[in-house]
Protein backbone atom coordinates (compact mmCIF):
# COMPACT_ATOMS: atom_id res chain seq x y z
CA MET A 1 -110.35 98.63 84.17
CA LEU A 2 -109.51 98.36 87.86
CA SER A 3 -105.97 99.12 88.99
CA THR A 4 -103.91 96.44 90.74
CA ALA A 5 -104.29 98.29 94.05
CA ALA A 6 -108.08 98.53 93.67
CA MET A 7 -108.36 94.84 92.82
CA ALA A 8 -106.24 93.92 95.85
CA ALA A 9 -108.54 96.00 98.06
CA ILE A 10 -111.59 94.18 96.71
CA ILE A 11 -109.94 90.80 97.31
CA ARG A 12 -109.14 91.80 100.90
CA THR A 13 -112.74 92.88 101.46
CA VAL A 14 -114.15 89.64 100.05
CA ARG A 15 -111.67 87.64 102.10
CA ALA A 16 -112.71 89.42 105.28
CA THR A 17 -116.42 88.85 104.75
CA THR A 18 -116.43 85.33 103.30
CA SER A 19 -116.90 82.60 105.89
CA ILE A 20 -114.31 79.82 105.85
CA ASP A 21 -117.27 77.44 106.23
CA ASN A 22 -118.64 78.54 102.87
CA LEU A 23 -115.26 78.12 101.21
CA LEU A 24 -114.97 74.58 102.57
CA VAL A 25 -118.34 73.41 101.22
CA PRO A 26 -117.04 72.16 97.81
CA LEU A 27 -114.28 70.22 99.60
CA THR A 28 -116.48 68.60 102.24
CA ALA A 29 -119.20 67.64 99.76
CA ASP A 30 -117.21 64.54 98.74
CA PRO A 31 -114.31 63.89 101.15
CA ALA A 32 -113.17 60.79 99.25
CA THR A 33 -112.17 62.96 96.28
CA THR A 34 -110.55 65.75 98.33
CA ALA A 35 -106.87 66.20 99.23
CA VAL A 36 -105.96 67.95 102.49
CA LEU A 37 -102.38 69.28 102.43
CA LEU A 38 -100.77 70.99 105.41
CA ASP A 39 -97.51 72.68 106.27
CA VAL A 40 -96.14 71.70 109.71
CA ASP A 41 -94.17 74.43 111.54
CA GLY A 42 -96.33 77.48 112.18
CA THR A 43 -99.35 75.68 110.74
CA LEU A 44 -99.99 72.43 112.61
CA ALA A 45 -97.25 72.97 115.19
CA PRO A 46 -96.69 76.32 116.92
CA ILE A 47 -93.35 78.00 116.21
CA VAL A 48 -90.91 77.40 119.08
CA ARG A 49 -87.49 78.86 119.86
CA GLN A 50 -85.75 75.48 119.59
CA ALA A 51 -86.93 73.67 116.47
CA ASP A 52 -86.37 70.24 118.03
CA ASN A 53 -89.09 71.01 120.60
CA ALA A 54 -91.84 71.50 118.02
CA HIS A 55 -94.89 69.24 118.29
CA VAL A 56 -98.50 69.12 117.21
CA PRO A 57 -100.90 69.50 120.17
CA GLU A 58 -103.23 66.58 120.85
CA THR A 59 -106.21 68.91 120.36
CA THR A 60 -105.07 69.35 116.74
CA ARG A 61 -104.02 65.76 116.17
CA ALA A 62 -107.49 64.47 117.12
CA PRO A 63 -109.39 66.04 114.17
CA LEU A 64 -106.38 65.49 111.91
CA THR A 65 -106.54 61.76 112.65
CA LYS A 66 -110.15 61.66 111.49
CA VAL A 67 -109.38 63.71 108.37
CA ALA A 68 -106.44 61.43 107.49
CA ARG A 69 -108.70 58.40 107.78
CA ASP A 70 -111.63 59.59 105.68
CA TYR A 71 -110.41 62.14 103.10
CA GLY A 72 -109.00 60.99 99.78
CA VAL A 73 -105.40 62.12 100.40
CA THR A 74 -103.96 63.76 103.50
CA ALA A 75 -100.33 64.85 103.59
CA CYS A 76 -97.99 67.16 105.43
CA VAL A 77 -95.72 69.27 103.23
CA SER A 78 -92.72 70.43 105.21
CA GLY A 79 -89.33 72.05 104.91
CA ARG A 80 -88.08 69.49 107.41
CA ARG A 81 -87.01 65.99 106.55
CA ALA A 82 -90.04 63.79 106.03
CA ALA A 83 -89.21 61.51 108.96
CA VAL A 84 -88.79 64.50 111.28
CA ALA A 85 -92.11 65.96 110.14
CA ARG A 86 -93.80 62.64 110.91
CA ARG A 87 -92.23 62.59 114.38
CA ILE A 88 -93.56 66.09 115.09
CA VAL A 89 -97.06 65.25 113.85
CA SER A 90 -97.01 61.72 115.34
CA LEU A 91 -99.43 60.29 112.82
CA GLY A 92 -98.40 57.43 110.54
CA THR A 93 -101.61 57.14 108.53
CA MET A 94 -100.81 60.08 106.27
CA SER A 95 -98.00 60.87 103.84
CA TYR A 96 -95.18 63.38 104.34
CA ILE A 97 -93.53 65.45 101.63
CA GLY A 98 -90.24 66.57 103.17
CA ASN A 99 -87.35 68.87 102.40
CA HIS A 100 -89.57 71.16 100.30
CA GLY A 101 -90.59 68.44 97.87
CA VAL A 102 -87.34 66.45 97.82
CA GLU A 103 -88.65 63.49 99.86
CA LEU A 104 -91.87 61.50 99.96
CA LEU A 105 -92.58 59.29 102.97
CA ARG A 106 -95.78 57.45 102.18
CA ALA A 107 -98.45 56.61 104.73
CA GLY A 108 -97.30 53.55 106.63
CA GLY A 109 -93.87 53.66 104.96
CA THR A 110 -90.49 53.47 106.69
CA GLN A 111 -88.09 54.97 104.14
CA PRO A 112 -88.58 58.20 102.21
CA GLU A 113 -88.27 58.25 98.45
CA ILE A 114 -85.71 60.83 97.32
CA ALA A 115 -85.52 62.32 93.84
CA PRO A 116 -82.29 60.89 92.32
CA GLU A 117 -81.31 64.19 90.70
CA VAL A 118 -81.24 65.71 94.19
CA ALA A 119 -79.52 62.80 95.94
CA ALA A 120 -76.55 63.25 93.60
CA TYR A 121 -75.67 66.51 95.41
CA ARG A 122 -75.72 65.11 98.95
CA ASP A 123 -71.93 64.84 99.30
CA GLN A 124 -71.30 68.37 97.98
CA ILE A 125 -73.89 69.83 100.37
CA GLN A 126 -72.37 67.97 103.31
CA ARG A 127 -68.82 69.10 102.46
CA PHE A 128 -69.96 72.69 102.14
CA ALA A 129 -71.77 72.60 105.51
CA LYS A 130 -68.75 71.07 107.26
CA THR A 131 -66.49 73.80 105.93
CA VAL A 132 -68.89 76.49 107.14
CA LEU A 133 -69.43 74.94 110.56
CA ASP A 134 -65.69 74.53 111.11
CA GLY A 135 -65.29 78.30 110.78
CA GLU A 136 -64.95 80.45 113.89
CA SER A 137 -67.84 82.83 113.16
CA VAL A 138 -70.68 80.29 113.31
CA PRO A 139 -70.44 79.37 117.01
CA ARG A 140 -69.70 82.98 117.97
CA VAL A 141 -72.99 84.35 116.64
CA ARG A 142 -74.98 81.22 117.54
CA LEU A 143 -75.92 80.33 113.98
CA ARG A 144 -77.42 76.84 114.37
CA GLY A 145 -76.97 74.19 111.69
CA GLU A 146 -79.64 71.64 110.74
CA ASP A 147 -78.55 68.64 108.68
CA LYS A 148 -81.35 67.68 106.28
CA SER A 149 -79.16 65.33 104.23
CA VAL A 150 -79.56 66.82 100.74
CA ILE A 151 -80.32 70.29 102.19
CA TYR A 152 -78.47 72.11 104.96
CA ALA A 153 -80.18 74.82 106.97
CA PHE A 154 -78.70 77.62 109.10
CA HIS A 155 -81.06 79.05 111.75
CA TRP A 156 -80.70 82.17 113.88
CA ARG A 157 -83.98 82.20 115.80
CA GLY A 158 -83.00 82.84 119.42
CA ALA A 159 -79.47 84.06 118.57
CA PRO A 160 -78.18 86.74 121.01
CA ASP A 161 -77.38 89.05 118.09
CA ALA A 162 -79.88 88.25 115.34
CA ALA A 163 -78.54 90.97 113.05
CA ALA A 164 -74.98 89.63 113.21
CA ALA A 165 -76.25 86.08 112.61
CA GLU A 166 -78.23 87.20 109.58
CA ARG A 167 -75.18 88.99 108.16
CA LEU A 168 -73.18 85.79 108.52
CA ALA A 169 -75.97 83.85 106.83
CA GLN A 170 -75.76 86.28 103.92
CA THR A 171 -72.03 85.57 103.61
CA ILE A 172 -72.72 81.84 103.67
CA ALA A 173 -75.35 82.28 100.95
CA GLU A 174 -72.85 84.10 98.73
CA ARG A 175 -70.29 81.32 99.22
CA ALA A 176 -72.87 78.65 98.41
CA GLU A 177 -73.93 80.38 95.21
CA ALA A 178 -70.29 80.80 94.19
CA GLU A 179 -69.98 77.00 94.42
CA GLY A 180 -72.98 76.47 92.17
CA LEU A 181 -75.48 75.66 94.91
CA TRP A 182 -78.87 77.31 95.39
CA VAL A 183 -80.09 79.10 98.50
CA HIS A 184 -83.50 79.81 99.93
CA TRP A 185 -84.47 82.25 102.67
CA GLY A 186 -87.23 81.50 105.17
CA ARG A 187 -88.28 82.85 108.53
CA MET A 188 -84.92 83.32 110.30
CA VAL A 189 -83.39 80.48 108.31
CA LEU A 190 -81.13 80.09 105.28
CA GLU A 191 -81.20 76.83 103.36
CA VAL A 192 -78.41 75.66 101.06
CA ARG A 193 -79.88 73.39 98.39
CA PRO A 194 -78.90 71.42 95.30
CA PRO A 195 -79.33 73.39 92.05
CA VAL A 196 -82.49 71.48 91.16
CA ALA A 197 -85.93 73.02 90.73
CA LEU A 198 -87.86 71.02 93.33
CA THR A 199 -90.32 72.83 95.59
CA LYS A 200 -93.32 72.17 97.78
CA GLY A 201 -95.29 72.79 94.61
CA SER A 202 -93.54 70.08 92.64
CA GLY A 203 -93.88 67.70 95.58
CA VAL A 204 -97.62 68.33 95.79
CA THR A 205 -98.04 67.97 92.02
CA SER A 206 -96.20 64.61 91.99
CA LEU A 207 -98.23 63.21 94.87
CA LEU A 208 -101.62 64.27 93.52
CA ALA A 209 -100.77 62.99 90.03
CA GLU A 210 -100.92 59.49 91.53
CA HIS A 211 -104.58 60.07 92.47
CA PRO A 212 -106.65 60.89 89.37
CA GLU A 213 -109.83 60.39 91.39
CA LEU A 214 -109.24 63.66 93.26
CA ARG A 215 -111.47 66.61 92.40
CA SER A 216 -110.67 69.11 95.17
CA ALA A 217 -107.69 70.17 97.24
CA LEU A 218 -107.01 72.32 100.30
CA TYR A 219 -103.57 73.65 101.21
CA ILE A 220 -102.75 75.49 104.44
CA GLY A 221 -99.37 77.14 105.07
CA ASP A 222 -97.65 80.11 106.65
CA ASP A 223 -94.39 80.86 104.80
CA ARG A 224 -92.99 81.81 101.41
CA THR A 225 -92.29 78.20 100.42
CA ASP A 226 -96.00 77.47 100.73
CA ILE A 227 -96.73 79.90 97.89
CA ASP A 228 -95.21 77.33 95.51
CA ALA A 229 -97.85 74.85 96.66
CA PHE A 230 -100.60 77.46 96.19
CA ASP A 231 -99.39 78.07 92.64
CA ALA A 232 -99.17 74.35 91.85
CA LEU A 233 -102.74 73.66 92.95
CA ARG A 234 -104.05 76.63 90.99
CA ALA A 235 -102.20 75.40 87.91
CA MET A 236 -103.91 72.02 88.31
CA HIS A 237 -107.24 73.81 88.62
CA ASN A 238 -106.61 75.89 85.50
CA ALA A 239 -105.69 72.73 83.63
CA GLY A 240 -108.98 71.11 84.64
CA VAL A 241 -107.32 68.46 86.81
CA LEU A 242 -108.96 69.81 89.98
CA GLN A 243 -112.43 71.34 90.11
CA HIS A 244 -112.00 73.14 93.44
CA VAL A 245 -108.89 74.54 95.13
CA LEU A 246 -108.67 76.44 98.41
CA CYS A 247 -105.39 78.03 99.54
CA VAL A 248 -105.38 79.16 103.17
CA GLY A 249 -102.70 81.32 104.77
CA VAL A 250 -101.86 81.18 108.47
CA ARG A 251 -101.60 84.64 109.93
CA SER A 252 -98.97 85.60 112.54
CA THR A 253 -96.63 88.52 113.24
CA GLU A 254 -94.09 86.86 110.91
CA THR A 255 -96.37 85.93 108.00
CA PRO A 256 -94.85 87.30 104.77
CA GLN A 257 -97.02 89.72 102.83
CA GLU A 258 -96.60 87.67 99.65
CA LEU A 259 -98.41 84.74 101.25
CA ILE A 260 -101.19 86.97 102.59
CA ASP A 261 -101.71 88.40 99.10
CA LYS A 262 -101.81 84.92 97.53
CA ALA A 263 -104.17 83.27 100.02
CA ASP A 264 -107.88 82.73 99.33
CA ALA A 265 -108.54 82.97 103.07
CA LEU A 266 -106.61 83.55 106.29
CA VAL A 267 -106.78 81.91 109.70
CA ASP A 268 -105.09 83.02 112.90
CA GLY A 269 -102.21 80.77 113.91
CA PRO A 270 -102.26 77.02 114.54
CA GLU A 271 -105.45 77.51 116.54
CA GLY A 272 -107.18 78.68 113.37
CA VAL A 273 -105.81 75.66 111.51
CA ARG A 274 -107.22 73.38 114.21
CA ALA A 275 -110.62 75.01 113.73
CA VAL A 276 -110.48 74.25 109.99
CA LEU A 277 -109.59 70.61 110.70
CA GLU A 278 -112.48 70.39 113.14
CA ARG A 279 -114.83 71.66 110.43
CA LEU A 280 -113.46 69.10 107.96
CA ALA A 281 -113.86 66.32 110.50
CA ALA A 282 -117.39 67.42 111.45
CA ALA A 283 -118.47 67.10 107.81
CA LEU A 284 -117.78 63.36 107.81
């Protein structure tokens, strides 16, 4: 029996020699029964120092527009609020799962649907964030707050002293957990969340459950939270709900090893994601 290390080496070898075109064949064979699911930051939109400046390049939006029109389901699955994700992508003909599965903004919709068990914690999250932001340490180390309504995020990308900012974030995390809230760590960001088990995976599962006609699904992402979506699609495959699943990781200097290990294939940065979208569009 092969050891775990030996099996991982084989997987890496197969991944390196298997063309992404071959992996896409089962998905492009019948676009009407295929779901295309995409993270936003670091996947469709390049990572930028100031999060508010993020946007999807027109060269990526062009094939994405065609994919959204002709594939069975197309959705962005983001850690940002659904409305913010839609602004960054600038495409209203697809759905947006926001706040790591908390919100669903449907294609053509104007108001996101929010899970009621999460909405019940909005006031507590807001009070906690206000208390933290009123403290003296936050402005001193340039820890930047992001109000996501039922989630509050603290970023330190671009902080003059990243180590000091991360130490403060750790203190904030401990305070949040002491108050019964949950925390999640991302790439230079801490999120304070309601104590409810909702993830990108649960958001993807809920959306696809509304479309029993689907037979295949593709997910592309670049961070730890995207692993939940990988796992959810594979669970649907194992249960016989989906016949084909492809989980693609986006490689960068910040890509976590866990995501690399979980991915069926890797592409290099948002440019690699654009190439995949172009292949999907060309199959139509």
